[in-house]
Protein backbone atom coordinates (compact mmCIF):
# COMPACT_ATOMS: atom_id res chain seq x y z
CA MET A 1 0.04 -0.06 -0.04
CA ALA A 2 2.84 2.35 0.87
CA PHE A 3 4.67 1.45 -2.26
CA GLY A 4 1.61 2.29 -4.40
CA THR A 5 1.10 5.63 -2.70
CA THR A 6 4.71 6.49 -3.24
CA THR A 7 4.66 5.44 -6.81
CA LEU A 8 1.54 7.58 -7.50
CA ALA A 9 3.06 10.66 -5.77
CA ALA A 10 6.17 10.30 -7.90
CA VAL A 11 4.16 9.92 -11.06
CA THR A 12 2.19 13.09 -10.14
CA ALA A 13 5.14 15.13 -9.14
CA ALA A 14 7.07 14.53 -12.39
CA PRO A 15 4.81 16.54 -14.75
CA VAL A 16 4.56 19.34 -12.12
CA ALA A 17 8.27 19.52 -11.89
CA ARG A 18 8.63 19.59 -15.76
CA ARG A 19 6.06 22.36 -16.07
CA ARG A 20 7.95 24.33 -13.31
CA ARG A 21 11.21 23.95 -15.23
CA ARG A 22 9.53 24.96 -18.41
CA ARG A 23 8.17 28.13 -16.82
CA LEU A 24 11.52 28.95 -15.53
CA ARG A 25 13.10 28.40 -18.95
CA ASP A 26 10.62 30.59 -20.67
CA ALA A 27 10.64 33.38 -18.03
CA PRO A 28 13.34 35.51 -19.99
CA THR A 29 11.21 35.21 -23.15
CA PHE A 30 8.09 36.48 -21.28
CA ALA A 31 10.14 39.22 -19.65
CA LEU A 32 11.42 40.26 -23.15
CA PHE A 33 7.84 40.59 -24.50
CA LEU A 34 6.76 42.59 -21.37
CA LEU A 35 9.69 44.93 -21.64
CA PRO A 36 8.17 47.39 -24.15
CA ALA A 37 5.01 47.74 -22.12
CA VAL A 38 6.94 48.25 -18.85
CA ALA A 39 9.17 50.77 -20.58
CA PHE A 40 6.17 52.69 -21.92
CA LEU A 41 4.50 52.77 -18.52
CA ALA A 42 7.66 53.85 -16.87
CA LEU A 43 8.09 56.76 -19.31
CA THR A 44 4.47 57.92 -19.30
CA SER A 45 3.55 57.31 -15.73
CA VAL A 46 6.39 56.55 -13.30
CA TYR A 47 8.85 59.16 -14.52
CA PRO A 48 6.30 62.08 -14.59
CA LEU A 49 5.12 61.06 -11.09
CA LEU A 50 8.63 61.11 -9.66
CA TYR A 51 9.42 64.40 -11.62
CA THR A 52 6.38 66.15 -10.12
CA LEU A 53 7.47 64.92 -6.76
CA ARG A 54 10.85 66.49 -7.16
CA LEU A 55 9.16 69.76 -8.47
CA SER A 56 6.96 70.00 -5.48
CA PHE A 57 9.95 70.73 -3.26
CA HIS A 58 11.05 73.54 -5.60
CA GLU A 59 9.82 77.04 -6.48
CA TRP A 60 9.64 77.54 -10.27
CA PHE A 61 7.63 79.92 -12.30
CA LEU A 62 7.65 79.41 -16.03
CA ASN A 63 6.67 82.92 -16.72
CA ARG A 64 10.02 84.15 -15.28
CA PRO A 65 12.65 83.54 -18.09
CA GLY A 66 16.13 82.51 -17.14
CA THR A 67 15.13 81.19 -13.61
CA ALA A 68 15.84 77.64 -12.67
CA PRO A 69 13.90 75.57 -10.01
CA ALA A 70 14.87 76.81 -6.42
CA TRP A 71 14.80 74.29 -3.55
CA VAL A 72 12.22 75.43 -0.96
CA GLY A 73 11.61 72.06 0.80
CA LEU A 74 8.08 71.95 2.23
CA GLY A 75 7.59 75.56 1.33
CA SER A 76 5.34 74.80 -1.67
CA TYR A 77 3.23 72.51 0.44
CA ARG A 78 2.96 75.25 3.17
CA ALA A 79 1.93 77.84 0.59
CA VAL A 80 -0.59 75.59 -0.94
CA VAL A 81 -2.19 74.71 2.41
CA GLU A 82 -2.28 78.30 3.47
CA ASP A 83 -3.95 79.42 0.18
CA GLN A 84 -7.65 80.22 0.78
CA VAL A 85 -8.42 79.27 -2.78
CA PHE A 86 -6.94 75.83 -2.22
CA ARG A 87 -9.10 75.38 0.87
CA THR A 88 -12.15 76.46 -0.85
CA SER A 89 -11.54 74.20 -3.75
CA ALA A 90 -10.88 71.25 -1.49
CA LEU A 91 -14.16 71.90 0.42
CA ASN A 92 -15.93 72.26 -2.86
CA THR A 93 -14.63 69.01 -4.16
CA ALA A 94 -15.45 67.16 -1.01
CA VAL A 95 -18.99 68.46 -1.01
CA PHE A 96 -19.43 67.88 -4.75
CA ALA A 97 -18.05 64.37 -4.77
CA THR A 98 -19.98 63.33 -1.63
CA GLY A 99 -23.25 64.80 -2.76
CA THR A 100 -23.26 63.74 -6.37
CA VAL A 101 -22.11 60.09 -5.57
CA ALA A 102 -24.78 59.71 -2.79
CA ALA A 103 -27.51 60.98 -5.20
CA GLU A 104 -26.35 58.81 -8.11
CA LEU A 105 -26.28 55.60 -5.95
CA VAL A 106 -29.82 56.28 -4.64
CA LEU A 107 -31.26 57.17 -8.14
CA GLY A 108 -29.24 54.53 -9.87
CA LEU A 109 -30.48 51.81 -7.51
CA ALA A 110 -34.01 52.98 -7.71
CA LEU A 111 -33.98 53.06 -11.46
CA ALA A 112 -32.35 49.57 -11.46
CA LEU A 113 -35.03 48.13 -9.40
CA ALA A 114 -37.66 49.83 -11.64
CA VAL A 115 -36.23 48.50 -14.96
CA SER A 116 -34.89 45.20 -13.78
CA ARG A 117 -37.77 43.34 -15.37
CA GLU A 118 -37.49 41.95 -18.84
CA GLY A 119 -39.59 43.27 -21.74
CA VAL A 120 -39.19 45.22 -24.98
CA GLY A 121 -40.46 48.44 -23.51
CA ILE A 122 -38.16 48.08 -20.48
CA ARG A 123 -35.20 47.48 -22.78
CA VAL A 124 -35.97 50.64 -24.79
CA VAL A 125 -36.31 52.74 -21.63
CA ARG A 126 -32.97 51.27 -20.37
CA SER A 127 -31.27 52.21 -23.52
CA ILE A 128 -32.68 55.83 -23.46
CA LEU A 129 -31.49 56.32 -19.80
CA LEU A 130 -27.87 55.42 -20.85
CA ILE A 131 -27.64 58.29 -23.31
CA PRO A 132 -26.25 60.96 -20.95
CA MET A 133 -23.30 58.55 -19.95
CA ILE A 134 -22.09 58.09 -23.51
CA MET A 135 -21.82 61.82 -24.11
CA THR A 136 -18.43 63.45 -23.79
CA PRO A 137 -17.95 65.81 -20.80
CA VAL A 138 -17.30 68.81 -23.05
CA VAL A 139 -20.57 68.33 -24.85
CA VAL A 140 -22.43 67.82 -21.66
CA GLY A 141 -21.03 71.12 -20.33
CA VAL A 142 -21.95 73.05 -23.49
CA LEU A 143 -25.45 71.47 -23.64
CA TRP A 144 -26.22 72.33 -20.04
CA ARG A 145 -24.67 75.79 -20.35
CA ILE A 146 -27.27 76.43 -23.00
CA LEU A 147 -30.10 74.91 -20.92
CA LEU A 148 -29.17 76.85 -17.81
CA PHE A 149 -28.56 80.16 -19.46
CA ASP A 150 -30.58 83.09 -18.05
CA ASN A 151 -33.03 82.88 -20.99
CA GLY A 152 -32.52 79.11 -21.38
CA LEU A 153 -35.01 76.33 -21.45
CA ILE A 154 -34.78 75.57 -17.67
CA ASN A 155 -35.72 79.16 -16.70
CA TYR A 156 -38.50 79.16 -19.32
CA LEU A 157 -39.95 75.97 -17.80
CA LEU A 158 -39.69 77.58 -14.21
CA GLU A 159 -41.35 80.72 -15.28
CA SER A 160 -44.15 78.72 -17.28
CA VAL A 161 -45.24 77.13 -13.88
CA GLY A 162 -45.03 80.41 -11.91
CA LEU A 163 -41.63 80.11 -10.36
CA PRO A 164 -38.99 82.75 -10.54
CA ARG A 165 -36.08 82.30 -12.91
CA ILE A 166 -32.71 81.18 -11.36
CA LEU A 167 -29.50 83.00 -12.20
CA TRP A 168 -27.55 79.75 -12.35
CA PHE A 169 -24.17 81.39 -13.42
CA VAL A 170 -24.51 84.48 -11.07
CA ASP A 171 -25.77 83.13 -7.77
CA PRO A 172 -22.77 81.07 -6.11
CA ARG A 173 -25.19 78.65 -4.37
CA TRP A 174 -27.21 77.87 -7.46
CA ALA A 175 -24.01 77.55 -9.65
CA PHE A 176 -22.85 74.84 -7.27
CA VAL A 177 -26.18 73.17 -7.36
CA GLY A 178 -26.20 73.36 -11.13
CA VAL A 179 -22.94 71.58 -11.58
CA MET A 180 -24.03 68.86 -9.07
CA LEU A 181 -27.26 68.34 -11.05
CA VAL A 182 -25.37 68.12 -14.26
CA ASP A 183 -23.01 65.41 -12.88
CA VAL A 184 -25.90 63.45 -11.35
CA TRP A 185 -27.71 63.56 -14.72
CA GLN A 186 -24.61 62.31 -16.69
CA TRP A 187 -23.38 59.53 -14.34
CA THR A 188 -26.59 58.07 -12.69
CA PRO A 189 -26.78 55.73 -15.77
CA PHE A 190 -23.43 54.23 -14.85
CA VAL A 191 -24.85 53.15 -11.41
CA LEU A 192 -27.89 52.01 -13.25
CA ILE A 193 -25.92 49.60 -15.47
CA VAL A 194 -23.94 48.09 -12.56
CA MET A 195 -26.90 47.72 -10.26
CA THR A 196 -29.03 46.14 -12.99
CA ALA A 197 -26.37 43.53 -13.45
CA ALA A 198 -25.98 42.98 -9.67
CA ILE A 199 -29.75 42.55 -9.31
CA ALA A 200 -29.83 40.04 -12.13
CA ALA A 201 -27.13 38.02 -10.46
CA LEU A 202 -28.90 37.71 -7.08
CA PRO A 203 -30.05 34.19 -6.13
CA SER A 204 -33.72 33.73 -6.35
CA GLU A 205 -34.19 31.18 -3.47
CA PRO A 206 -34.15 33.76 -0.64
CA PHE A 207 -36.76 35.92 -2.45
CA ARG A 208 -39.08 32.92 -2.97
CA ALA A 209 -38.75 31.95 0.66
CA ALA A 210 -39.57 35.52 1.78
CA GLN A 211 -42.59 35.54 -0.48
CA ILE A 212 -43.88 32.28 1.02
CA ASP A 213 -43.43 33.78 4.42
CA GLY A 214 -45.55 36.80 3.58
CA ALA A 215 -42.79 39.43 3.67
CA SER A 216 -43.78 42.87 2.26
CA ARG A 217 -41.80 44.44 -0.56
CA TRP A 218 -40.13 46.78 1.82
CA GLN A 219 -39.04 44.07 4.10
CA VAL A 220 -37.71 42.06 1.13
CA PHE A 221 -35.73 45.22 0.00
CA ARG A 222 -34.54 46.07 3.43
CA TYR A 223 -33.50 42.58 4.70
CA LEU A 224 -32.63 40.82 1.48
CA THR A 225 -31.94 43.05 -1.55
CA LEU A 226 -30.08 45.89 0.08
CA PRO A 227 -27.71 43.78 2.26
CA MET A 228 -26.89 41.66 -0.93
CA LEU A 229 -26.15 44.74 -2.96
CA THR A 230 -24.21 46.55 -0.34
CA PRO A 231 -20.80 45.35 -1.55
CA VAL A 232 -21.50 46.24 -5.09
CA LEU A 233 -22.88 49.58 -4.01
CA LEU A 234 -19.63 50.33 -2.10
CA VAL A 235 -17.45 49.39 -5.05
CA THR A 236 -19.69 51.48 -7.42
CA GLY A 237 -19.60 54.39 -4.93
CA LEU A 238 -15.71 54.11 -4.75
CA LEU A 239 -15.35 54.08 -8.59
CA ARG A 240 -17.71 57.13 -8.82
CA PHE A 241 -16.08 58.98 -6.01
CA MET A 242 -12.63 58.57 -7.50
CA ASP A 243 -13.98 60.05 -10.78
CA ALA A 244 -15.98 62.79 -9.17
CA ILE A 245 -13.12 64.29 -7.15
CA LYS A 246 -11.08 64.71 -10.36
CA VAL A 247 -13.95 66.34 -12.30
CA PHE A 248 -12.61 69.03 -14.60
CA ASP A 249 -13.85 69.41 -18.08
CA THR A 250 -17.54 69.62 -17.51
CA ILE A 251 -17.28 72.16 -14.75
CA TYR A 252 -14.53 74.15 -16.69
CA VAL A 253 -16.87 74.36 -19.75
CA LEU A 254 -19.97 75.05 -17.59
CA THR A 255 -18.82 77.72 -15.15
CA GLY A 256 -15.08 77.96 -15.41
CA GLY A 257 -14.89 77.55 -11.59
CA GLY A 258 -17.06 80.71 -10.99
CA PRO A 259 -18.75 82.72 -10.09
CA GLY A 260 -15.68 83.68 -8.03
CA TYR A 261 -14.50 80.40 -6.67
CA ALA A 262 -18.00 78.96 -6.04
CA THR A 263 -17.43 75.89 -8.33
CA GLU A 264 -13.65 75.85 -8.17
CA MET A 265 -12.47 72.17 -7.73
CA LEU A 266 -9.07 70.75 -6.88
CA SER A 267 -8.37 69.66 -10.46
CA SER A 268 -9.17 73.14 -11.79
CA TYR A 269 -7.12 74.78 -9.12
CA ILE A 270 -4.11 72.62 -10.02
CA TYR A 271 -4.69 73.37 -13.76
CA LYS A 272 -4.78 77.16 -13.18
CA GLN A 273 -1.75 77.10 -10.84
CA GLY A 274 0.33 75.24 -13.37
CA LEU A 275 -1.01 76.46 -16.87
CA ARG A 276 -2.51 79.87 -16.05
CA TYR A 277 -0.15 81.22 -13.28
CA PHE A 278 2.80 79.03 -14.32
CA ASN A 279 3.43 78.10 -10.74
CA VAL A 280 4.89 74.72 -11.40
CA GLY A 281 6.01 73.97 -7.80
CA GLY A 282 2.69 74.95 -6.30
CA ALA A 283 0.77 72.91 -8.93
CA ALA A 284 3.01 69.84 -8.16
CA ALA A 285 2.57 70.21 -4.42
CA ALA A 286 -1.19 70.51 -4.82
CA SER A 287 -1.19 67.43 -6.95
CA TRP A 288 0.63 65.33 -4.39
CA LEU A 289 -1.67 66.53 -1.67
CA PHE A 290 -4.57 65.57 -3.78
CA LEU A 291 -3.04 62.25 -4.40
CA ALA A 292 -2.50 61.51 -0.60
CA VAL A 293 -6.14 62.31 0.10
CA VAL A 294 -7.38 60.17 -2.71
CA LEU A 295 -5.20 57.17 -1.50
CA ALA A 296 -6.28 57.64 2.16
CA LEU A 297 -10.00 57.72 1.13
CA SER A 298 -9.37 54.73 -1.09
CA VAL A 299 -8.07 52.64 1.75
CA VAL A 300 -11.00 53.70 4.11
CA ILE A 301 -13.60 52.74 1.43
CA VAL A 302 -11.88 49.41 0.53
CA LYS A 303 -11.85 48.43 4.16
CA ALA A 304 -15.54 49.31 4.43
CA ARG A 305 -16.28 47.14 1.43
CA ALA A 306 -14.33 44.28 2.94
CA ARG A 307 -16.41 44.52 6.19
CA ALA A 308 -19.70 44.68 4.17
CA SER A 309 -18.65 41.62 2.20
CA ARG A 310 -17.99 39.64 5.33
CA SER A 311 -21.27 40.78 6.82
CA ALA A 312 -23.20 39.79 3.70
CA ALA A 313 -21.42 36.44 3.66
CA VAL A 314 -22.52 35.78 7.29
């Protein structure tokens, strides 16, 4: 018996050893094929990242000919943090990302629950709802700038029902609300797609059992649907949050960050520092502060997703 077991183990181990030797022998070839991709990523991603890190410790204005980067240590970071415009843009970015993502998750889930059934009409409605997401941000910005203009369609509709017109590009509060509404309009379809797929993948047995037990629709949603979808909601929220905090083109076309700094975001602040005021060191420092905040938030959200996944599994 022992002899048979030993023989079987030896026979099984032989192909495994051959495959391992073959992989080791082919490793240089695989590395050679990967080398162009690695070199391309290093040139387009790693080197610029490290170069901006170096610049963030220097003072350098491109509109001052003949000057070289001057070492200031953490001076650029200190200047950025003390800049009131940076603080305003950071607060605007946090409020914008949190508000839009929360609204998109709620509306996207509600729409997904409404159109999760099959049918020709439902498929047509689902396709129509996806149109905003496939539009480029610049087109969305131009479109909504026309709609929100003082004499635009939105104000015409408001006046037609007896409401006063809103000066979307003059009143700072309404300007901020306007850019949030535009983002929610464009990216709620993304949440709709993800949640529709997640709902279709849910097991049917718990829902049949709940129906037999006489559970109401609200009870089914609260105790079955929502807990099962929570991990997907968190991942979707993370993806949208990462995209929302770096929003630039739509808002730049729509308001340019104004009126004043009412809709100034971190991305537009960095853009203006580097390409309008030519403050390369300040723009680099702001970029790295932005990256640090994004990484910290990513860690928090990923841990929250892991806890939600464990809770759903239990």
